[in-house]
Structures are given as structure tokens and as C-alpha cells.
Amino acid sequence: AAETHVDRSIEDASAFVRTNVIGTQVLLDAARRHG
């Protein structure tokens, strides 16, 4: 799961930070909690 298109990230990076960074941390934390 990721936003991947470079041109879109140049126009607005907010979705990229939310999905690619925050989303990955959410998944890591949940994976640890659920074993």
C-alpha cells in the first residue's frame, strides 16, 4: 500500500506522507500487537 506517482507527489505530498509513512507505522504497530 503506497502512493507511488512522482508527479502527484510534486503537486501535493500530503497523501504520500499519510499513506507511505504514517500508514507503515500503523501497520508495524498493529502487527506487533497482534503477534
PDB file of all heavy atoms in Angstrom:
ATOM      1  N   ALA A   1       0.838  -1.200   0.000  1.00  0.00           N
ATOM      2  CA  ALA A   1       0.000   0.000   0.000  1.00  0.00           C
ATOM      3  C   ALA A   1       0.871   1.248   0.000  1.00  0.00           C
ATOM      4  O   ALA A   1       1.661   1.469   0.924  1.00  0.00           O
ATOM      5  CB  ALA A   1      -0.922  -0.006   1.226  1.00  0.00           C
ATOM      6  N   ALA A   2       0.725   2.067  -1.025  1.00  0.00           N
ATOM      7  CA  ALA A   2       1.544   3.276  -1.137  1.00  0.00           C
ATOM      8  C   ALA A   2       0.994   4.173  -2.228  1.00  0.00           C
ATOM      9  O   ALA A   2       0.418   3.709  -3.207  1.00  0.00           O
ATOM     10  CB  ALA A   2       2.997   2.909  -1.467  1.00  0.00           C
ATOM     11  N   GLU A   3       1.192   5.460  -2.033  1.00  0.00           N
ATOM     12  CA  GLU A   3       1.076   6.411  -3.130  1.00  0.00           C
ATOM     13  C   GLU A   3       2.416   6.385  -3.853  1.00  0.00           C
ATOM     14  O   GLU A   3       3.472   6.467  -3.209  1.00  0.00           O
ATOM     15  CB  GLU A   3       0.783   7.817  -2.604  1.00  0.00           C
ATOM     16  CG  GLU A   3      -0.532   7.940  -1.862  1.00  0.00           C
ATOM     17  CD  GLU A   3      -1.729   7.938  -2.800  1.00  0.00           C
ATOM     18  OE1 GLU A   3      -1.523   8.126  -4.025  1.00  0.00           O
ATOM     19  OE2 GLU A   3      -2.856   7.747  -2.319  1.00  0.00           O
ATOM     20  N   THR A   4       2.405   6.274  -5.198  1.00  0.00           N
ATOM     21  CA  THR A   4       3.661   5.992  -5.893  1.00  0.00           C
ATOM     22  C   THR A   4       4.018   6.935  -7.025  1.00  0.00           C
ATOM     23  O   THR A   4       5.137   6.867  -7.534  1.00  0.00           O
ATOM     24  CB  THR A   4       3.642   4.563  -6.483  1.00  0.00           C
ATOM     25  OG1 THR A   4       2.640   4.496  -7.513  1.00  0.00           O
ATOM     26  CG2 THR A   4       3.361   3.529  -5.409  1.00  0.00           C
ATOM     27  N   HIS A   5       3.111   7.793  -7.463  1.00  0.00           N
ATOM     28  CA  HIS A   5       3.388   8.552  -8.682  1.00  0.00           C
ATOM     29  C   HIS A   5       4.139   9.834  -8.348  1.00  0.00           C
ATOM     30  O   HIS A   5       3.629  10.707  -7.639  1.00  0.00           O
ATOM     31  CB  HIS A   5       2.091   8.872  -9.414  1.00  0.00           C
ATOM     32  CG  HIS A   5       2.306   9.345 -10.817  1.00  0.00           C
ATOM     33  ND1 HIS A   5       3.150   8.723 -11.701  1.00  0.00           N
ATOM     34  CD2 HIS A   5       1.788  10.398 -11.499  1.00  0.00           C
ATOM     35  CE1 HIS A   5       3.136   9.354 -12.857  1.00  0.00           C
ATOM     36  NE2 HIS A   5       2.313  10.381 -12.761  1.00  0.00           N
ATOM     37  N   VAL A   6       5.362   9.961  -8.862  1.00  0.00           N
ATOM     38  CA  VAL A   6       6.238  11.080  -8.518  1.00  0.00           C
ATOM     39  C   VAL A   6       5.586  12.417  -8.852  1.00  0.00           C
ATOM     40  O   VAL A   6       5.627  13.361  -8.047  1.00  0.00           O
ATOM     41  CB  VAL A   6       7.603  10.941  -9.223  1.00  0.00           C
ATOM     42  CG1 VAL A   6       8.455  12.189  -8.989  1.00  0.00           C
ATOM     43  CG2 VAL A   6       8.341   9.709  -8.715  1.00  0.00           C
ATOM     44  N   ASP A   7       4.987  12.522 -10.032  1.00  0.00           N
ATOM     45  CA  ASP A   7       4.388  13.799 -10.428  1.00  0.00           C
ATOM     46  C   ASP A   7       3.317  14.244  -9.438  1.00  0.00           C
ATOM     47  O   ASP A   7       3.215  15.431  -9.103  1.00  0.00           O
ATOM     48  CB  ASP A   7       3.773  13.685 -11.822  1.00  0.00           C
ATOM     49  CG  ASP A   7       4.827  13.573 -12.908  1.00  0.00           C
ATOM     50  OD1 ASP A   7       6.004  13.800 -12.608  1.00  0.00           O
ATOM     51  OD2 ASP A   7       4.470  13.245 -14.060  1.00  0.00           O
ATOM     52  N   ARG A   8       2.506  13.305  -8.967  1.00  0.00           N
ATOM     53  CA  ARG A   8       1.472  13.650  -7.991  1.00  0.00           C
ATOM     54  C   ARG A   8       2.101  14.104  -6.672  1.00  0.00           C
ATOM     55  O   ARG A   8       1.575  14.986  -5.987  1.00  0.00           O
ATOM     56  CB  ARG A   8       0.539  12.458  -7.760  1.00  0.00           C
ATOM     57  CG  ARG A   8      -0.339  12.118  -8.956  1.00  0.00           C
ATOM     58  CD  ARG A   8      -1.151  10.849  -8.702  1.00  0.00           C
ATOM     59  NE  ARG A   8      -1.914  10.439  -9.875  1.00  0.00           N
ATOM     60  CZ  ARG A   8      -3.200  10.699 -10.072  1.00  0.00           C
ATOM     61  NH1 ARG A   8      -3.876  11.371  -9.151  1.00  0.00           N
ATOM     62  NH2 ARG A   8      -3.816  10.287 -11.164  1.00  0.00           N
ATOM     63  N   SER A   9       3.228  13.487  -6.292  1.00  0.00           N
ATOM     64  CA  SER A   9       3.879  13.886  -5.035  1.00  0.00           C
ATOM     65  C   SER A   9       4.450  15.290  -5.126  1.00  0.00           C
ATOM     66  O   SER A   9       4.534  16.001  -4.120  1.00  0.00           O
ATOM     67  CB  SER A   9       4.982  12.886  -4.667  1.00  0.00           C
ATOM     68  OG  SER A   9       6.177  13.081  -5.403  1.00  0.00           O
ATOM     69  N   ILE A  10       4.861  15.696  -6.318  1.00  0.00           N
ATOM     70  CA  ILE A  10       5.383  17.051  -6.511  1.00  0.00           C
ATOM     71  C   ILE A  10       4.262  18.076  -6.358  1.00  0.00           C
ATOM     72  O   ILE A  10       4.451  19.150  -5.786  1.00  0.00           O
ATOM     73  CB  ILE A  10       6.066  17.159  -7.890  1.00  0.00           C
ATOM     74  CG1 ILE A  10       7.346  16.305  -7.908  1.00  0.00           C
ATOM     75  CG2 ILE A  10       6.399  18.614  -8.223  1.00  0.00           C
ATOM     76  CD1 ILE A  10       7.968  16.148  -9.276  1.00  0.00           C
ATOM     77  N   GLU A  11       3.083  17.716  -6.826  1.00  0.00           N
ATOM     78  CA  GLU A  11       1.939  18.630  -6.717  1.00  0.00           C
ATOM     79  C   GLU A  11       1.434  18.739  -5.286  1.00  0.00           C
ATOM     80  O   GLU A  11       1.068  19.814  -4.820  1.00  0.00           O
ATOM     81  CB  GLU A  11       0.806  18.151  -7.633  1.00  0.00           C
ATOM     82  CG  GLU A  11       1.116  18.242  -9.118  1.00  0.00           C
ATOM     83  CD  GLU A  11       1.400  19.654  -9.572  1.00  0.00           C
ATOM     84  OE1 GLU A  11       0.680  20.573  -9.117  1.00  0.00           O
ATOM     85  OE2 GLU A  11       2.338  19.844 -10.367  1.00  0.00           O
ATOM     86  N   ASP A  12       1.403  17.620  -4.559  1.00  0.00           N
ATOM     87  CA  ASP A  12       0.894  17.609  -3.177  1.00  0.00           C
ATOM     88  C   ASP A  12       1.433  16.363  -2.478  1.00  0.00           C
ATOM     89  O   ASP A  12       1.036  15.246  -2.812  1.00  0.00           O
ATOM     90  CB  ASP A  12      -0.632  17.603  -3.164  1.00  0.00           C
ATOM     91  CG  ASP A  12      -1.212  17.653  -1.756  1.00  0.00           C
ATOM     92  OD1 ASP A  12      -0.424  17.695  -0.778  1.00  0.00           O
ATOM     93  OD2 ASP A  12      -2.444  17.643  -1.626  1.00  0.00           O
ATOM     94  N   ALA A  13       2.300  16.561  -1.515  1.00  0.00           N
ATOM     95  CA  ALA A  13       2.964  15.432  -0.856  1.00  0.00           C
ATOM     96  C   ALA A  13       2.180  14.887   0.329  1.00  0.00           C
ATOM     97  O   ALA A  13       2.563  13.853   0.895  1.00  0.00           O
ATOM     98  CB  ALA A  13       4.363  15.846  -0.387  1.00  0.00           C
ATOM     99  N   SER A  14       1.078  15.521   0.722  1.00  0.00           N
ATOM    100  CA  SER A  14       0.417  15.154   1.974  1.00  0.00           C
ATOM    101  C   SER A  14      -0.088  13.716   1.970  1.00  0.00           C
ATOM    102  O   SER A  14       0.061  12.991   2.969  1.00  0.00           O
ATOM    103  CB  SER A  14      -0.734  16.125   2.267  1.00  0.00           C
ATOM    104  OG  SER A  14      -1.675  16.135   1.214  1.00  0.00           O
ATOM    105  N   ALA A  15      -0.693  13.268   0.868  1.00  0.00           N
ATOM    106  CA  ALA A  15      -1.189  11.890   0.809  1.00  0.00           C
ATOM    107  C   ALA A  15      -0.045  10.886   0.890  1.00  0.00           C
ATOM    108  O   ALA A  15      -0.206   9.779   1.414  1.00  0.00           O
ATOM    109  CB  ALA A  15      -1.986  11.679  -0.476  1.00  0.00           C
ATOM    110  N   PHE A  16       1.104  11.256   0.385  1.00  0.00           N
ATOM    111  CA  PHE A  16       2.273  10.376   0.405  1.00  0.00           C
ATOM    112  C   PHE A  16       2.806  10.208   1.824  1.00  0.00           C
ATOM    113  O   PHE A  16       3.179   9.107   2.237  1.00  0.00           O
ATOM    114  CB  PHE A  16       3.357  10.928  -0.522  1.00  0.00           C
ATOM    115  CG  PHE A  16       2.978  10.864  -1.977  1.00  0.00           C
ATOM    116  CD1 PHE A  16       2.067  11.768  -2.519  1.00  0.00           C
ATOM    117  CD2 PHE A  16       3.499   9.896  -2.804  1.00  0.00           C
ATOM    118  CE1 PHE A  16       1.690  11.704  -3.850  1.00  0.00           C
ATOM    119  CE2 PHE A  16       3.134   9.817  -4.138  1.00  0.00           C
ATOM    120  CZ  PHE A  16       2.222  10.720  -4.657  1.00  0.00           C
ATOM    121  N   VAL A  17       2.807  11.299   2.576  1.00  0.00           N
ATOM    122  CA  VAL A  17       3.243  11.215   3.974  1.00  0.00           C
ATOM    123  C   VAL A  17       2.239  10.386   4.777  1.00  0.00           C
ATOM    124  O   VAL A  17       2.626   9.519   5.566  1.00  0.00           O
ATOM    125  CB  VAL A  17       3.405  12.629   4.574  1.00  0.00           C
ATOM    126  CG1 VAL A  17       3.711  12.543   6.067  1.00  0.00           C
ATOM    127  CG2 VAL A  17       4.520  13.377   3.846  1.00  0.00           C
ATOM    128  N   ARG A  18       0.964  10.621   4.562  1.00  0.00           N
ATOM    129  CA  ARG A  18      -0.058   9.891   5.328  1.00  0.00           C
ATOM    130  C   ARG A  18       0.007   8.391   5.048  1.00  0.00           C
ATOM    131  O   ARG A  18       0.077   7.579   5.980  1.00  0.00           O
ATOM    132  CB  ARG A  18      -1.458  10.423   4.997  1.00  0.00           C
ATOM    133  CG  ARG A  18      -2.577   9.612   5.632  1.00  0.00           C
ATOM    134  CD  ARG A  18      -3.951  10.173   5.329  1.00  0.00           C
ATOM    135  NE  ARG A  18      -4.997   9.205   5.663  1.00  0.00           N
ATOM    136  CZ  ARG A  18      -5.425   8.943   6.884  1.00  0.00           C
ATOM    137  NH1 ARG A  18      -4.894   9.575   7.918  1.00  0.00           N
ATOM    138  NH2 ARG A  18      -6.370   8.039   7.095  1.00  0.00           N
ATOM    139  N   THR A  19      -0.038   8.011   3.789  1.00  0.00           N
ATOM    140  CA  THR A  19      -0.090   6.586   3.456  1.00  0.00           C
ATOM    141  C   THR A  19       1.267   5.914   3.640  1.00  0.00           C
ATOM    142  O   THR A  19       1.377   4.884   4.304  1.00  0.00           O
ATOM    143  CB  THR A  19      -0.576   6.392   2.010  1.00  0.00           C
ATOM    144  OG1 THR A  19      -1.897   6.915   1.890  1.00  0.00           O
ATOM    145  CG2 THR A  19      -0.583   4.919   1.637  1.00  0.00           C
ATOM    146  N   ASN A  20       2.301   6.483   3.045  1.00  0.00           N
ATOM    147  CA  ASN A  20       3.586   5.796   2.985  1.00  0.00           C
ATOM    148  C   ASN A  20       4.326   5.803   4.314  1.00  0.00           C
ATOM    149  O   ASN A  20       5.013   4.824   4.643  1.00  0.00           O
ATOM    150  CB  ASN A  20       4.461   6.427   1.901  1.00  0.00           C
ATOM    151  CG  ASN A  20       3.824   6.350   0.526  1.00  0.00           C
ATOM    152  OD1 ASN A  20       2.742   5.790   0.369  1.00  0.00           O
ATOM    153  ND2 ASN A  20       4.473   6.913  -0.464  1.00  0.00           N
ATOM    154  N   VAL A  21       4.213   6.890   5.080  1.00  0.00           N
ATOM    155  CA  VAL A  21       4.937   6.985   6.348  1.00  0.00           C
ATOM    156  C   VAL A  21       4.039   6.584   7.521  1.00  0.00           C
ATOM    157  O   VAL A  21       4.295   5.591   8.207  1.00  0.00           O
ATOM    158  CB  VAL A  21       5.501   8.409   6.559  1.00  0.00           C
ATOM    159  CG1 VAL A  21       6.275   8.478   7.873  1.00  0.00           C
ATOM    160  CG2 VAL A  21       6.411   8.796   5.392  1.00  0.00           C
ATOM    161  N   ILE A  22       2.961   7.341   7.721  1.00  0.00           N
ATOM    162  CA  ILE A  22       2.083   7.047   8.857  1.00  0.00           C
ATOM    163  C   ILE A  22       1.453   5.660   8.699  1.00  0.00           C
ATOM    164  O   ILE A  22       1.381   4.882   9.663  1.00  0.00           O
ATOM    165  CB  ILE A  22       0.996   8.137   8.996  1.00  0.00           C
ATOM    166  CG1 ILE A  22       1.649   9.486   9.319  1.00  0.00           C
ATOM    167  CG2 ILE A  22      -0.029   7.752  10.059  1.00  0.00           C
ATOM    168  CD1 ILE A  22       0.701  10.658   9.298  1.00  0.00           C
ATOM    169  N   GLY A  23       1.009   5.336   7.492  1.00  0.00           N
ATOM    170  CA  GLY A  23       0.393   4.029   7.271  1.00  0.00           C
ATOM    171  C   GLY A  23       1.327   2.884   7.580  1.00  0.00           C
ATOM    172  O   GLY A  23       0.915   1.872   8.174  1.00  0.00           O
ATOM    173  N   THR A  24       2.586   3.007   7.210  1.00  0.00           N
ATOM    174  CA  THR A  24       3.553   1.945   7.510  1.00  0.00           C
ATOM    175  C   THR A  24       3.744   1.792   9.010  1.00  0.00           C
ATOM    176  O   THR A  24       3.807   0.661   9.527  1.00  0.00           O
ATOM    177  CB  THR A  24       4.896   2.242   6.817  1.00  0.00           C
ATOM    178  OG1 THR A  24       4.692   2.269   5.399  1.00  0.00           O
ATOM    179  CG2 THR A  24       5.938   1.183   7.151  1.00  0.00           C
ATOM    180  N   GLN A  25       3.813   2.915   9.737  1.00  0.00           N
ATOM    181  CA  GLN A  25       3.975   2.814  11.185  1.00  0.00           C
ATOM    182  C   GLN A  25       2.752   2.189  11.841  1.00  0.00           C
ATOM    183  O   GLN A  25       2.872   1.375  12.770  1.00  0.00           O
ATOM    184  CB  GLN A  25       4.240   4.195  11.788  1.00  0.00           C
ATOM    185  CG  GLN A  25       4.561   4.173  13.275  1.00  0.00           C
ATOM    186  CD  GLN A  25       5.822   3.382  13.568  1.00  0.00           C
ATOM    187  OE1 GLN A  25       6.879   3.668  13.013  1.00  0.00           O
ATOM    188  NE2 GLN A  25       5.728   2.385  14.448  1.00  0.00           N
ATOM    189  N   VAL A  26       1.565   2.540  11.360  1.00  0.00           N
ATOM    190  CA  VAL A  26       0.337   1.928  11.880  1.00  0.00           C
ATOM    191  C   VAL A  26       0.385   0.412  11.686  1.00  0.00           C
ATOM    192  O   VAL A  26       0.058  -0.374  12.594  1.00  0.00           O
ATOM    193  CB  VAL A  26      -0.907   2.533  11.201  1.00  0.00           C
ATOM    194  CG1 VAL A  26      -2.153   1.700  11.498  1.00  0.00           C
ATOM    195  CG2 VAL A  26      -1.120   3.973  11.674  1.00  0.00           C
ATOM    196  N   LEU A  27       0.787  -0.033  10.504  1.00  0.00           N
ATOM    197  CA  LEU A  27       0.865  -1.468  10.225  1.00  0.00           C
ATOM    198  C   LEU A  27       1.898  -2.156  11.112  1.00  0.00           C
ATOM    199  O   LEU A  27       1.649  -3.253  11.633  1.00  0.00           O
ATOM    200  CB  LEU A  27       1.217  -1.699   8.759  1.00  0.00           C
ATOM    201  CG  LEU A  27       0.120  -1.437   7.729  1.00  0.00           C
ATOM    202  CD1 LEU A  27       0.692  -1.542   6.322  1.00  0.00           C
ATOM    203  CD2 LEU A  27      -1.036  -2.416   7.903  1.00  0.00           C
ATOM    204  N   LEU A  28       3.046  -1.539  11.279  1.00  0.00           N
ATOM    205  CA  LEU A  28       4.095  -2.127  12.131  1.00  0.00           C
ATOM    206  C   LEU A  28       3.591  -2.285  13.565  1.00  0.00           C
ATOM    207  O   LEU A  28       3.784  -3.337  14.193  1.00  0.00           O
ATOM    208  CB  LEU A  28       5.346  -1.254  12.099  1.00  0.00           C
ATOM    209  CG  LEU A  28       6.175  -1.298  10.820  1.00  0.00           C
ATOM    210  CD1 LEU A  28       7.156  -0.123  10.795  1.00  0.00           C
ATOM    211  CD2 LEU A  28       6.926  -2.616  10.695  1.00  0.00           C
ATOM    212  N   ASP A  29       2.956  -1.239  14.089  1.00  0.00           N
ATOM    213  CA  ASP A  29       2.456  -1.300  15.466  1.00  0.00           C
ATOM    214  C   ASP A  29       1.385  -2.379  15.618  1.00  0.00           C
ATOM    215  O   ASP A  29       1.390  -3.155  16.582  1.00  0.00           O
ATOM    216  CB  ASP A  29       1.871   0.060  15.868  1.00  0.00           C
ATOM    217  CG  ASP A  29       2.930   1.145  16.007  1.00  0.00           C
ATOM    218  OD1 ASP A  29       4.131   0.805  16.133  1.00  0.00           O
ATOM    219  OD2 ASP A  29       2.560   2.337  15.984  1.00  0.00           O
ATOM    220  N   ALA A  30       0.468  -2.430  14.660  1.00  0.00           N
ATOM    221  CA  ALA A  30      -0.607  -3.423  14.739  1.00  0.00           C
ATOM    222  C   ALA A  30      -0.062  -4.840  14.593  1.00  0.00           C
ATOM    223  O   ALA A  30      -0.506  -5.766  15.287  1.00  0.00           O
ATOM    224  CB  ALA A  30      -1.652  -3.144  13.663  1.00  0.00           C
ATOM    225  N   ALA A  31       0.886  -5.033  13.705  1.00  0.00           N
ATOM    226  CA  ALA A  31       1.477  -6.359  13.528  1.00  0.00           C
ATOM    227  C   ALA A  31       2.136  -6.826  14.819  1.00  0.00           C
ATOM    228  O   ALA A  31       2.041  -8.005  15.196  1.00  0.00           O
ATOM    229  CB  ALA A  31       2.490  -6.328  12.387  1.00  0.00           C
ATOM    230  N   ARG A  32       2.763  -5.918  15.507  1.00  0.00           N
ATOM    231  CA  ARG A  32       3.408  -6.277  16.787  1.00  0.00           C
ATOM    232  C   ARG A  32       2.363  -6.626  17.848  1.00  0.00           C
ATOM    233  O   ARG A  32       2.493  -7.613  18.570  1.00  0.00           O
ATOM    234  CB  ARG A  32       4.295  -5.123  17.251  1.00  0.00           C
ATOM    235  CG  ARG A  32       5.253  -5.468  18.371  1.00  0.00           C
ATOM    236  CD  ARG A  32       6.313  -4.405  18.557  1.00  0.00           C
ATOM    237  NE  ARG A  32       5.765  -3.107  18.943  1.00  0.00           N
ATOM    238  CZ  ARG A  32       5.698  -2.046  18.132  1.00  0.00           C
ATOM    239  NH1 ARG A  32       6.122  -2.133  16.882  1.00  0.00           N
ATOM    240  NH2 ARG A  32       5.199  -0.898  18.559  1.00  0.00           N
ATOM    241  N   ARG A  33       1.284  -5.841  17.912  1.00  0.00           N
ATOM    242  CA  ARG A  33       0.237  -6.107  18.903  1.00  0.00           C
ATOM    243  C   ARG A  33      -0.458  -7.441  18.663  1.00  0.00           C
ATOM    244  O   ARG A  33      -0.839  -8.130  19.617  1.00  0.00           O
ATOM    245  CB  ARG A  33      -0.812  -4.987  18.887  1.00  0.00           C
ATOM    246  CG  ARG A  33      -0.386  -3.712  19.564  1.00  0.00           C
ATOM    247  CD  ARG A  33      -1.577  -2.812  19.810  1.00  0.00           C
ATOM    248  NE  ARG A  33      -2.274  -2.457  18.574  1.00  0.00           N
ATOM    249  CZ  ARG A  33      -1.951  -1.411  17.821  1.00  0.00           C
ATOM    250  NH1 ARG A  33      -0.929  -0.643  18.156  1.00  0.00           N
ATOM    251  NH2 ARG A  33      -2.635  -1.146  16.725  1.00  0.00           N
ATOM    252  N   HIS A  34      -0.615  -7.788  17.397  1.00  0.00           N
ATOM    253  CA  HIS A  34      -1.385  -8.990  17.053  1.00  0.00           C
ATOM    254  C   HIS A  34      -0.505 -10.208  16.808  1.00  0.00           C
ATOM    255  O   HIS A  34      -1.006 -11.239  16.359  1.00  0.00           O
ATOM    256  CB  HIS A  34      -2.271  -8.702  15.835  1.00  0.00           C
ATOM    257  CG  HIS A  34      -3.391  -7.745  16.122  1.00  0.00           C
ATOM    258  ND1 HIS A  34      -4.611  -8.160  16.616  1.00  0.00           N
ATOM    259  CD2 HIS A  34      -3.466  -6.398  16.023  1.00  0.00           C
ATOM    260  CE1 HIS A  34      -5.396  -7.101  16.784  1.00  0.00           C
ATOM    261  NE2 HIS A  34      -4.722  -6.023  16.424  1.00  0.00           N
ATOM    262  N   GLY A  35       0.763 -10.092  17.112  1.00  0.00           N
ATOM    263  CA  GLY A  35       1.643 -11.246  17.041  1.00  0.00           C
ATOM    264  C   GLY A  35       1.910 -11.766  15.635  1.00  0.00           C
ATOM    265  O   GLY A  35       2.128 -12.967  15.446  1.00  0.00           O
TER     266      GLY A  35
END
